[in-house]
C-alpha atoms as a PDB file:
ATOM      1  CA  MET A   1      35.654 -12.299   1.810  1.00  0.00           C
ATOM      2  CA  LYS A   2      32.628 -12.997   0.527  1.00  0.00           C
ATOM      3  CA  LYS A   3      30.631 -10.104  -1.455  1.00  0.00           C
ATOM      4  CA  ARG A   4      27.728  -9.069   0.588  1.00  0.00           C
ATOM      5  CA  LYS A   5      24.338  -9.077  -1.930  1.00  0.00           C
ATOM      6  CA  VAL A   6      22.488  -5.711  -1.278  1.00  0.00           C
ATOM      7  CA  VAL A   7      19.192  -6.262  -2.642  1.00  0.00           C
ATOM      8  CA  THR A   8      16.891  -2.470  -3.241  1.00  0.00           C
ATOM      9  CA  LEU A   9      13.609  -2.240  -3.091  1.00  0.00           C
ATOM     10  CA  ALA A  10      11.549   0.207  -3.920  1.00  0.00           C
ATOM     11  CA  HIS A  11       7.665   1.769  -3.476  1.00  0.00           C
ATOM     12  CA  TYR A  12       5.828   3.054  -6.201  1.00  0.00           C
ATOM     13  CA  TYR A  13       5.244   6.336  -4.577  1.00  0.00           C
ATOM     14  CA  THR A  14       9.041   6.689  -3.737  1.00  0.00           C
ATOM     15  CA  ILE A  15      10.778   9.348  -6.994  1.00  0.00           C
ATOM     16  CA  PRO A  16      12.029   8.240  -9.871  1.00  0.00           C
ATOM     17  CA  GLU A  17      15.625   8.893  -9.428  1.00  0.00           C
ATOM     18  CA  VAL A  18      15.014   6.272  -6.180  1.00  0.00           C
ATOM     19  CA  GLN A  19      13.236   3.795  -8.703  1.00  0.00           C
ATOM     20  CA  ASP A  20      15.788   3.934 -11.037  1.00  0.00           C
ATOM     21  CA  MET A  21      18.581   2.794  -7.915  1.00  0.00           C
ATOM     22  CA  ALA A  22      15.649   0.089  -7.256  1.00  0.00           C
ATOM     23  CA  ASP A  23      16.598  -4.076  -7.892  1.00  0.00           C
ATOM     24  CA  LYS A  24      12.672  -3.901  -7.798  1.00  0.00           C
ATOM     25  CA  VAL A  25      10.069  -1.776  -7.833  1.00  0.00           C
ATOM     26  CA  GLY A  26       6.312  -3.003  -6.664  1.00  0.00           C
ATOM     27  CA  ASP A  27       3.465  -2.435  -4.593  1.00  0.00           C
ATOM     28  CA  SER A  28       4.252  -3.771  -0.458  1.00  0.00           C
ATOM     29  CA  LEU A  29       3.262  -7.514  -1.738  1.00  0.00           C
ATOM     30  CA  GLU A  30       5.216  -7.957  -4.392  1.00  0.00           C
ATOM     31  CA  LEU A  31       7.673  -5.889  -2.718  1.00  0.00           C
ATOM     32  CA  ALA A  32       6.914  -8.612   0.573  1.00  0.00           C
ATOM     33  CA  LEU A  33       7.340 -11.400  -1.659  1.00  0.00           C
ATOM     34  CA  TYR A  34      10.352 -10.388  -2.936  1.00  0.00           C
ATOM     35  CA  ALA A  35      12.153  -9.599  -0.192  1.00  0.00           C
ATOM     36  CA  LYS A  36      11.033 -13.123   1.102  1.00  0.00           C
ATOM     37  CA  ASP A  37      12.894 -14.576  -1.330  1.00  0.00           C
ATOM     38  CA  CYS A  38      15.359 -12.456  -2.636  1.00  0.00           C
ATOM     39  CA  ASP A  39      18.197 -14.236  -1.128  1.00  0.00           C
ATOM     40  CA  ALA A  40      19.985 -10.767   0.166  1.00  0.00           C
ATOM     41  CA  ASP A  41      22.799 -10.427   3.325  1.00  0.00           C
ATOM     42  CA  VAL A  42      21.102  -6.972   3.074  1.00  0.00           C
ATOM     43  CA  ILE A  43      17.618  -5.569   2.351  1.00  0.00           C
ATOM     44  CA  VAL A  44      17.029  -1.834   1.481  1.00  0.00           C
ATOM     45  CA  PHE A  45      14.094  -0.684   1.846  1.00  0.00           C
ATOM     46  CA  ALA A  46      12.806   2.070   0.492  1.00  0.00           C
ATOM     47  CA  GLY A  47       9.025   2.630   1.198  1.00  0.00           C
ATOM     48  CA  VAL A  48       7.441   3.437   4.481  1.00  0.00           C
ATOM     49  CA  ARG A  49       9.030   2.048   7.652  1.00  0.00           C
ATOM     50  CA  PHE A  50       5.466  -1.109   7.477  1.00  0.00           C
ATOM     51  CA  MET A  51       6.572  -2.320   4.831  1.00  0.00           C
ATOM     52  CA  ALA A  52      11.141  -3.084   5.630  1.00  0.00           C
ATOM     53  CA  GLU A  53       9.238  -4.720   8.902  1.00  0.00           C
ATOM     54  CA  THR A  54       7.525  -6.313   6.432  1.00  0.00           C
ATOM     55  CA  ALA A  55      10.561  -7.949   4.894  1.00  0.00           C
ATOM     56  CA  LYS A  56      12.267  -8.416   8.519  1.00  0.00           C
ATOM     57  CA  ILE A  57       9.449 -10.545   9.416  1.00  0.00           C
ATOM     58  CA  ILE A  58       9.543 -12.799   6.418  1.00  0.00           C
ATOM     59  CA  ASN A  59      12.903 -12.581   5.904  1.00  0.00           C
ATOM     60  CA  PRO A  60      14.515 -12.686   9.555  1.00  0.00           C
ATOM     61  CA  LYS A  61      18.186 -13.346   8.210  1.00  0.00           C
ATOM     62  CA  ALA A  62      18.473 -10.911   6.435  1.00  0.00           C
ATOM     63  CA  LYS A  63      19.647  -7.072   7.283  1.00  0.00           C
ATOM     64  CA  VAL A  64      16.673  -4.766   6.825  1.00  0.00           C
ATOM     65  CA  ILE A  65      17.697  -1.208   6.173  1.00  0.00           C
ATOM     66  CA  LEU A  66      14.996   1.964   6.490  1.00  0.00           C
ATOM     67  CA  PRO A  67      16.786   4.392   4.811  1.00  0.00           C
ATOM     68  CA  ASP A  68      14.825   7.579   6.607  1.00  0.00           C
ATOM     69  CA  ILE A  69      13.271   5.694  10.223  1.00  0.00           C
ATOM     70  CA  ASN A  70      10.814   8.347   9.477  1.00  0.00           C
ATOM     71  CA  SER A  71       9.534   8.005   7.174  1.00  0.00           C
ATOM     72  CA  THR A  72       5.780   6.360   9.137  1.00  0.00           C
ATOM     73  CA  CYS A  73       2.411   6.283   7.401  1.00  0.00           C
ATOM     74  CA  SER A  74      -0.719   7.668   8.993  1.00  0.00           C
ATOM     75  CA  LEU A  75      -2.445   4.011   9.387  1.00  0.00           C
ATOM     76  CA  VAL A  76       0.016   3.777  12.244  1.00  0.00           C
ATOM     77  CA  THR A  77       0.811   7.079  13.191  1.00  0.00           C
ATOM     78  CA  MET A  78      -3.647   7.197  13.736  1.00  0.00           C
ATOM     79  CA  THR A  79      -3.750   3.480  15.395  1.00  0.00           C
ATOM     80  CA  ASP A  80      -3.031   3.503  19.438  1.00  0.00           C
ATOM     81  CA  ILE A  81      -2.183  -0.322  19.500  1.00  0.00           C
ATOM     82  CA  ASN A  82      -3.584  -0.642  22.684  1.00  0.00           C
ATOM     83  CA  LYS A  83      -7.228   0.734  21.741  1.00  0.00           C
ATOM     84  CA  LEU A  84      -6.732  -1.757  18.589  1.00  0.00           C
ATOM     85  CA  LYS A  85      -6.092  -4.140  21.382  1.00  0.00           C
ATOM     86  CA  GLN A  86      -9.415  -3.377  23.469  1.00  0.00           C
ATOM     87  CA  TRP A  87     -11.490  -3.043  20.133  1.00  0.00           C
ATOM     88  CA  ARG A  88     -10.082  -6.934  19.243  1.00  0.00           C
ATOM     89  CA  GLU A  89     -11.047  -8.666  21.681  1.00  0.00           C
ATOM     90  CA  GLU A  90     -14.640  -6.979  21.696  1.00  0.00           C
ATOM     91  CA  HIS A  91     -15.001  -8.440  18.881  1.00  0.00           C
ATOM     92  CA  LYS A  92     -13.123 -11.870  20.070  1.00  0.00           C
ATOM     93  CA  ASP A  93     -15.050 -13.849  17.313  1.00  0.00           C
ATOM     94  CA  TYR A  94     -14.847 -12.009  14.739  1.00  0.00           C
ATOM     95  CA  VAL A  95     -12.110 -12.537  12.019  1.00  0.00           C
ATOM     96  CA  HIS A  96      -9.584  -9.761  12.382  1.00  0.00           C
ATOM     97  CA  VAL A  97      -8.585  -8.613   8.863  1.00  0.00           C
ATOM     98  CA  ALA A  98      -5.728  -6.197   8.592  1.00  0.00           C
ATOM     99  CA  TYR A  99      -4.326  -3.704   5.600  1.00  0.00           C
ATOM    100  CA  VAL A 100      -0.528  -4.511   5.388  1.00  0.00           C
ATOM    101  CA  ASN A 101      -0.036  -0.957   5.857  1.00  0.00           C
ATOM    102  CA  SER A 102       0.183  -1.410   9.644  1.00  0.00           C
ATOM    103  CA  SER A 103       2.898  -1.815  12.379  1.00  0.00           C
ATOM    104  CA  ALA A 104       4.398  -5.320  13.413  1.00  0.00           C
ATOM    105  CA  GLU A 105       2.537  -5.159  16.777  1.00  0.00           C
ATOM    106  CA  HIS A 106      -0.998  -4.474  14.750  1.00  0.00           C
ATOM    107  CA  LYS A 107      -0.133  -7.623  12.175  1.00  0.00           C
ATOM    108  CA  ALA A 108       0.826  -9.715  15.439  1.00  0.00           C
ATOM    109  CA  LEU A 109      -3.214  -8.839  16.668  1.00  0.00           C
ATOM    110  CA  SER A 110      -5.249 -10.068  13.007  1.00  0.00           C
ATOM    111  CA  ASP A 111      -5.509 -13.142  11.802  1.00  0.00           C
ATOM    112  CA  TRP A 112      -5.208 -12.335   8.393  1.00  0.00           C
ATOM    113  CA  THR A 113      -3.495  -9.676   6.647  1.00  0.00           C
ATOM    114  CA  VAL A 114      -4.397  -8.110   3.115  1.00  0.00           C
ATOM    115  CA  THR A 115      -3.737  -6.060   0.816  1.00  0.00           C
ATOM    116  CA  SER A 116      -5.307  -3.632  -1.549  1.00  0.00           C
ATOM    117  CA  ARG A 117      -4.678  -5.926  -4.524  1.00  0.00           C
ATOM    118  CA  ASN A 118      -6.003  -9.302  -2.658  1.00  0.00           C
ATOM    119  CA  VAL A 119      -8.247  -7.696   0.086  1.00  0.00           C
ATOM    120  CA  ALA A 120     -11.954  -8.652  -1.755  1.00  0.00           C
ATOM    121  CA  ASP A 121     -10.591 -12.010  -2.169  1.00  0.00           C
ATOM    122  CA  ILE A 122     -10.282 -12.895   1.423  1.00  0.00           C
ATOM    123  CA  ILE A 123     -12.688 -11.566   2.833  1.00  0.00           C
ATOM    124  CA  GLU A 124     -14.750 -13.235   0.055  1.00  0.00           C
ATOM    125  CA  TYR A 125     -13.280 -16.446   1.197  1.00  0.00           C
ATOM    126  CA  ILE A 126     -13.815 -15.942   5.078  1.00  0.00           C
ATOM    127  CA  TYR A 127     -17.621 -14.748   5.025  1.00  0.00           C
ATOM    128  CA  SER A 128     -17.841 -17.967   2.425  1.00  0.00           C
ATOM    129  CA  GLN A 129     -16.054 -19.991   5.460  1.00  0.00           C
ATOM    130  CA  GLY A 130     -19.326 -18.871   7.590  1.00  0.00           C
ATOM    131  CA  LYS A 131     -17.349 -16.159  10.077  1.00  0.00           C
ATOM    132  CA  LYS A 132     -17.954 -12.315  10.675  1.00  0.00           C
ATOM    133  CA  VAL A 133     -14.415 -10.233  10.188  1.00  0.00           C
ATOM    134  CA  ILE A 134     -13.511  -7.236  11.336  1.00  0.00           C
ATOM    135  CA  TYR A 135     -11.740  -4.911   8.791  1.00  0.00           C
ATOM    136  CA  SER A 136      -8.250  -2.495  10.808  1.00  0.00           C
ATOM    137  CA  PRO A 137      -7.163  -0.022   9.998  1.00  0.00           C
ATOM    138  CA  ASP A 138      -8.572   2.082   6.455  1.00  0.00           C
ATOM    139  CA  ARG A 139     -11.496   2.696   7.732  1.00  0.00           C
ATOM    140  CA  ASN A 140     -12.542   4.089   4.117  1.00  0.00           C
ATOM    141  CA  MET A 141     -11.012   1.403   1.915  1.00  0.00           C
ATOM    142  CA  GLY A 142     -13.013  -1.264   4.825  1.00  0.00           C
ATOM    143  CA  ALA A 143     -16.028   1.693   3.685  1.00  0.00           C
ATOM    144  CA  TYR A 144     -15.810   0.319  -0.204  1.00  0.00           C
ATOM    145  CA  LEU A 145     -15.964  -2.969   1.231  1.00  0.00           C
ATOM    146  CA  ASN A 146     -19.057  -2.962   2.973  1.00  0.00           C
ATOM    147  CA  ALA A 147     -21.275  -1.211   0.103  1.00  0.00           C
ATOM    148  CA  GLU A 148     -19.564  -2.762  -2.688  1.00  0.00           C
ATOM    149  CA  TYR A 149     -20.080  -6.376  -1.137  1.00  0.00           C
ATOM    150  CA  GLY A 150     -22.082  -5.915   0.922  1.00  0.00           C
ATOM    151  CA  TYR A 151     -20.172  -6.445   4.325  1.00  0.00           C
ATOM    152  CA  ASP A 152     -21.349  -5.209   7.726  1.00  0.00           C
ATOM    153  CA  MET A 153     -17.581  -5.181   8.921  1.00  0.00           C
ATOM    154  CA  PRO A 154     -17.165  -3.508  11.436  1.00  0.00           C
ATOM    155  CA  LEU A 155     -14.210  -0.777  11.009  1.00  0.00           C
ATOM    156  CA  TRP A 156     -11.527   0.594  12.466  1.00  0.00           C
ATOM    157  CA  SER A 157     -11.079   4.273  12.263  1.00  0.00           C
ATOM    158  CA  ALA A 158      -7.562   5.426  10.794  1.00  0.00           C
ATOM    159  CA  VAL A 159      -6.913   6.545   6.717  1.00  0.00           C
ATOM    160  CA  CYS A 160      -4.211   6.984   4.480  1.00  0.00           C
ATOM    161  CA  GLU A 161      -3.359  11.493   4.588  1.00  0.00           C
ATOM    162  CA  VAL A 162      -2.259  10.966   0.904  1.00  0.00           C
ATOM    163  CA  HIS A 163      -6.062   9.287   0.520  1.00  0.00           C
ATOM    164  CA  ASP A 164      -8.436  10.968   2.096  1.00  0.00           C
ATOM    165  CA  LYS A 165      -7.381  14.544   0.660  1.00  0.00           C
ATOM    166  CA  PHE A 166      -9.205  13.262  -3.020  1.00  0.00           C
ATOM    167  CA  ASN A 167     -12.089  15.244  -2.847  1.00  0.00           C
ATOM    168  CA  LYS A 168     -15.711  14.940  -4.736  1.00  0.00           C
ATOM    169  CA  GLU A 169     -16.204  18.094  -4.930  1.00  0.00           C
ATOM    170  CA  ALA A 170     -12.924  19.425  -6.673  1.00  0.00           C
ATOM    171  CA  LEU A 171     -12.864  16.150  -9.231  1.00  0.00           C
ATOM    172  CA  ASP A 172     -17.183  16.341  -9.883  1.00  0.00           C
ATOM    173  CA  GLU A 173     -15.455  20.238 -11.252  1.00  0.00           C
ATOM    174  CA  LEU A 174     -12.665  19.359 -13.225  1.00  0.00           C
ATOM    175  CA  VAL A 175     -14.308  16.525 -14.770  1.00  0.00           C
ATOM    176  CA  GLY A 176     -16.943  18.768 -15.786  1.00  0.00           C
ATOM    177  CA  SER A 177     -15.013  21.471 -17.341  1.00  0.00           C
ATOM    178  CA  ILE A 178     -13.866  18.022 -19.462  1.00  0.00           C
ATOM    179  CA  SER A 179     -14.804  18.456 -22.625  1.00  0.00           C
ATOM    180  CA  GLY A 180     -14.039  15.313 -23.976  1.00  0.00           C
ATOM    181  CA  GLN A 181     -13.600  11.677 -23.423  1.00  0.00           C
ATOM    182  CA  LYS A 182     -12.189  11.360 -19.673  1.00  0.00           C
ATOM    183  CA  TYR A 183     -11.759   7.962 -16.812  1.00  0.00           C
ATOM    184  CA  ILE A 184     -11.706   8.045 -13.203  1.00  0.00           C
ATOM    185  CA  ILE A 185      -9.191   5.237 -11.858  1.00  0.00           C
ATOM    186  CA  ALA A 186      -8.790   5.565  -7.449  1.00  0.00           C
ATOM    187  CA  HIS A 187      -7.189   3.170  -5.038  1.00  0.00           C
ATOM    188  CA  PRO A 188     -10.132   1.978  -2.590  1.00  0.00           C
ATOM    189  CA  GLU A 189      -7.689   4.032  -0.132  1.00  0.00           C
ATOM    190  CA  SER A 190      -9.732   6.879  -1.636  1.00  0.00           C
ATOM    191  CA  PRO A 191     -12.981   8.344   0.168  1.00  0.00           C
ATOM    192  CA  LEU A 192     -16.516   6.332  -1.086  1.00  0.00           C
ATOM    193  CA  PRO A 193     -17.950   9.637  -2.518  1.00  0.00           C
ATOM    194  CA  VAL A 194     -14.289   9.261  -5.301  1.00  0.00           C
ATOM    195  CA  LEU A 195     -14.360   5.954  -5.633  1.00  0.00           C
ATOM    196  CA  ASN A 196     -18.323   6.334  -6.404  1.00  0.00           C
ATOM    197  CA  ASP A 197     -17.506   8.140  -9.924  1.00  0.00           C
ATOM    198  CA  CYS A 198     -15.071   5.628 -10.844  1.00  0.00           C
ATOM    199  CA  ASP A 199     -14.759   3.721 -13.935  1.00  0.00           C
ATOM    200  CA  TYR A 200     -11.828   1.336 -11.809  1.00  0.00           C
ATOM    201  CA  ILE A 201     -11.223   0.919  -8.756  1.00  0.00           C
ATOM    202  CA  GLY A 202      -8.163  -1.336  -8.156  1.00  0.00           C
ATOM    203  CA  SER A 203      -5.148  -1.815  -6.124  1.00  0.00           C
ATOM    204  CA  THR A 204      -1.443   0.756  -7.315  1.00  0.00           C
ATOM    205  CA  HIS A 205      -0.287  -2.234  -9.284  1.00  0.00           C
ATOM    206  CA  GLY A 206      -3.661  -2.657 -10.913  1.00  0.00           C
ATOM    207  CA  LEU A 207      -4.003   1.388 -11.874  1.00  0.00           C
ATOM    208  CA  LEU A 208      -0.874   0.949 -13.172  1.00  0.00           C
ATOM    209  CA  ASN A 209      -1.815  -2.497 -15.427  1.00  0.00           C
ATOM    210  CA  TRP A 210      -4.772  -0.735 -16.015  1.00  0.00           C
ATOM    211  CA  VAL A 211      -2.962   2.270 -17.804  1.00  0.00           C
ATOM    212  CA  ILE A 212      -0.612  -0.101 -19.877  1.00  0.00           C
ATOM    213  CA  ASP A 213      -3.568  -2.178 -21.538  1.00  0.00           C
ATOM    214  CA  TYR A 214      -5.535   0.756 -21.524  1.00  0.00           C
ATOM    215  CA  ASN A 215      -6.660   0.504 -25.806  1.00  0.00           C
ATOM    216  CA  GLY A 216      -9.231   3.250 -26.309  1.00  0.00           C
ATOM    217  CA  SER A 217      -9.323   6.918 -27.599  1.00  0.00           C
ATOM    218  CA  LYS A 218      -5.920   8.518 -27.125  1.00  0.00           C
ATOM    219  CA  ASP A 219      -7.312  11.557 -26.808  1.00  0.00           C
ATOM    220  CA  ALA A 220      -9.310  10.577 -23.193  1.00  0.00           C
ATOM    221  CA  VAL A 221      -8.136  11.938 -20.628  1.00  0.00           C
ATOM    222  CA  ILE A 222      -7.236   8.980 -17.044  1.00  0.00           C
ATOM    223  CA  LEU A 223      -7.972  10.753 -13.773  1.00  0.00           C
ATOM    224  CA  VAL A 224      -5.689   8.759 -11.619  1.00  0.00           C
ATOM    225  CA  ALA A 225      -6.622   9.618  -7.617  1.00  0.00           C
ATOM    226  CA  THR A 226      -3.878   7.888  -5.944  1.00  0.00           C
ATOM    227  CA  GLU A 227      -0.474   9.043  -4.727  1.00  0.00           C
ATOM    228  CA  ASP A 228       1.584  10.993  -7.498  1.00  0.00           C
ATOM    229  CA  GLY A 229       4.454   8.223  -7.746  1.00  0.00           C
ATOM    230  CA  ILE A 230       2.923   5.927  -9.716  1.00  0.00           C
ATOM    231  CA  LEU A 231       2.080   9.080 -12.375  1.00  0.00           C
ATOM    232  CA  TYR A 232       5.854   7.702 -13.913  1.00  0.00           C
ATOM    233  CA  ASN A 233       5.449   4.962 -14.063  1.00  0.00           C
ATOM    234  CA  MET A 234       2.788   5.308 -15.819  1.00  0.00           C
ATOM    235  CA  LYS A 235       3.453   8.512 -17.886  1.00  0.00           C
ATOM    236  CA  LYS A 236       6.680   5.918 -18.893  1.00  0.00           C
ATOM    237  CA  ALA A 237       4.559   3.270 -19.848  1.00  0.00           C
ATOM    238  CA  ARG A 238       1.558   5.093 -22.010  1.00  0.00           C
ATOM    239  CA  PRO A 239       3.314   8.500 -22.907  1.00  0.00           C
ATOM    240  CA  GLU A 240       1.246   9.254 -25.370  1.00  0.00           C
ATOM    241  CA  LEU A 241      -1.673   9.306 -22.831  1.00  0.00           C
ATOM    242  CA  ASP A 242      -2.846  12.692 -21.327  1.00  0.00           C
ATOM    243  CA  ILE A 243      -2.767  10.952 -16.879  1.00  0.00           C
ATOM    244  CA  ARG A 244      -3.019  13.322 -14.646  1.00  0.00           C
ATOM    245  CA  GLN A 245      -3.342  13.031 -10.674  1.00  0.00           C
ATOM    246  CA  ALA A 246      -6.930  13.614  -9.686  1.00  0.00           C
ATOM    247  CA  PRO A 247      -7.515  16.859  -7.708  1.00  0.00           C
ATOM    248  CA  ILE A 248      -7.436  17.107  -3.990  1.00  0.00           C
ATOM    249  CA  TYR A 249      -9.601  20.512  -3.379  1.00  0.00           C
ATOM    250  CA  THR A 250     -10.190  23.331  -6.068  1.00  0.00           C
ATOM    251  CA  GLY A 251      -6.840  24.124  -8.158  1.00  0.00           C
ATOM    252  CA  CYS A 252      -4.343  21.767  -6.344  1.00  0.00           C
ATOM    253  CA  LYS A 253      -3.476  18.486  -8.661  1.00  0.00           C
ATOM    254  CA  CYS A 254      -0.499  17.708  -6.406  1.00  0.00           C
ATOM    255  CA  ASN A 255      -0.977  14.822  -3.912  1.00  0.00           C
ATOM    256  CA  SER A 256       2.250  13.750  -2.161  1.00  0.00           C
ATOM    257  CA  CYS A 257       3.115  11.426   0.607  1.00  0.00           C
ATOM    258  CA  PRO A 258       5.778  13.033   2.413  1.00  0.00           C
ATOM    259  CA  TYR A 259       7.178   9.770   4.445  1.00  0.00           C
ATOM    260  CA  MET A 260       7.719   8.122   0.838  1.00  0.00           C
ATOM    261  CA  LYS A 261      10.004  11.337   0.116  1.00  0.00           C
ATOM    262  CA  LEU A 262      12.269  11.089   2.923  1.00  0.00           C
ATOM    263  CA  ASN A 263      13.431   7.920   0.866  1.00  0.00           C
ATOM    264  CA  THR A 264      16.355  10.353  -1.396  1.00  0.00           C
ATOM    265  CA  VAL A 265      18.961   9.532  -2.789  1.00  0.00           C
ATOM    266  CA  GLU A 266      21.361   9.946  -0.330  1.00  0.00           C
ATOM    267  CA  ALA A 267      20.096   8.288   2.033  1.00  0.00           C
ATOM    268  CA  VAL A 268      18.985   4.872  -0.636  1.00  0.00           C
ATOM    269  CA  LYS A 269      23.490   5.794  -1.103  1.00  0.00           C
ATOM    270  CA  LEU A 270      23.735   5.812   2.028  1.00  0.00           C
ATOM    271  CA  ALA A 271      22.032   2.264   2.848  1.00  0.00           C
ATOM    272  CA  GLN A 272      23.057   0.809   0.027  1.00  0.00           C
ATOM    273  CA  GLN A 273      27.102   0.793   1.874  1.00  0.00           C
ATOM    274  CA  GLU A 274      25.558   0.716   4.849  1.00  0.00           C
ATOM    275  CA  GLN A 275      26.757   4.019   6.187  1.00  0.00           C
ATOM    276  CA  GLY A 276      23.035   5.164   6.818  1.00  0.00           C
ATOM    277  CA  GLY A 277      19.228   4.046   7.130  1.00  0.00           C
ATOM    278  CA  THR A 278      18.217   2.894  10.314  1.00  0.00           C
ATOM    279  CA  VAL A 279      18.830  -0.738  10.799  1.00  0.00           C
ATOM    280  CA  VAL A 280      15.004  -3.188  11.222  1.00  0.00           C
ATOM    281  CA  ASP A 281      16.607  -5.127  14.630  1.00  0.00           C
ATOM    282  CA  TYR A 282      14.376  -4.012  16.530  1.00  0.00           C
ATOM    283  CA  LEU A 283      11.626  -6.154  16.259  1.00  0.00           C
ATOM    284  CA  SER A 284      11.662  -9.255  19.235  1.00  0.00           C
ATOM    285  CA  ASP A 285      11.955 -12.761  17.545  1.00  0.00           C
ATOM    286  CA  ASP A 286       8.035 -13.626  19.334  1.00  0.00           C
ATOM    287  CA  LEU A 287       7.055 -10.414  17.777  1.00  0.00           C
ATOM    288  CA  ILE A 288       8.022 -11.766  14.234  1.00  0.00           C
ATOM    289  CA  ALA A 289       6.829 -15.503  14.709  1.00  0.00           C
ATOM    290  CA  ARG A 290       2.816 -13.392  15.276  1.00  0.00           C
ATOM    291  CA  ALA A 291       3.130 -10.986  12.890  1.00  0.00           C
ATOM    292  CA  ARG A 292       4.208 -14.128  10.606  1.00  0.00           C
ATOM    293  CA  ILE A 293       1.590 -16.024  10.938  1.00  0.00           C
ATOM    294  CA  PRO A 294      -1.064 -13.667   9.213  1.00  0.00           C
ATOM    295  CA  ILE A 295       1.063 -12.581   6.307  1.00  0.00           C
ATOM    296  CA  ASP A 296       2.030 -15.469   5.885  1.00  0.00           C
ATOM    297  CA  ARG A 297      -1.783 -17.224   5.223  1.00  0.00           C
ATOM    298  CA  MET A 298      -2.550 -14.258   3.310  1.00  0.00           C
ATOM    299  CA  ILE A 299       0.940 -15.722   0.788  1.00  0.00           C
ATOM    300  CA  GLU A 300      -0.342 -19.178   0.642  1.00  0.00           C
ATOM    301  CA  PHE A 301      -3.893 -17.994   0.236  1.00  0.00           C
ATOM    302  CA  GLY A 302      -1.737 -16.607  -3.060  1.00  0.00           C
ATOM    303  CA  HIS A 303      -0.869 -19.611  -3.646  1.00  0.00           C
ATOM    304  CA  ARG A 304      -4.071 -21.699  -3.810  1.00  0.00           C
ATOM    305  CA  HIS A 305      -6.497 -19.547  -5.017  1.00  0.00           C
ATOM    306  CA  MET A 306      -4.801 -16.630  -6.862  1.00  0.00           C
END
């Protein structure tokens, strides 16, 4: 009997021990593209539920296993699909752009999906076609795009509970206590007051590359406003640098995604052996087909423009 090919994918926000178990570690876009082309019989997705759903949508022949079904995302739990349908209907002459951090049902109600890495390029392209855009579900990212590019996009009102905790007052206090050179880099899911003070704003992948490519003073402090998992990768790549997570309030410098951390070593091992976890087999063929349209549109855009 032919041995089944099991591929393990891990997001940067999982614990280091789980990342070390993976065949591929990356952000949501990297992992989606890898899942699409990996020719696996089984995909173990150490991330959150919407990521495993995306892998199933773009590679429906594979058996996709989520190590812990409770690993959801506040952007999903804060979105009522029936209210989203109504909001979509109220803006029927707009192009609905949905952040990939959304459920399969949410994606099926959108025209495009985007990641934090390609959102600016895709929305600019849509506007260049003379069309109007509504953006969901991340209010903070939408507010940043509106402010940065002068858009007036109606926004859905959900947030990433991790990034939304970053606090300008606490950040200002910490920055003021650092006498030497300092840099602030942040994910666009963070609140706009934090983003307004940043030296660089970008996707998880972009933030990691900024650190890898950094050629400034070795004595500078680099403050990172994103989930703490990526700091493992940053410090592994540049151990000589002083890299710290931005604070969420005075005295606290820790900010982790509780859902990502549900991907324990034991849970991933059981999923790899097909003896644990939850198989993503609950998406109907119709839902997969509808949700795949905006994802494919995003991927095709990347092939043409990125």
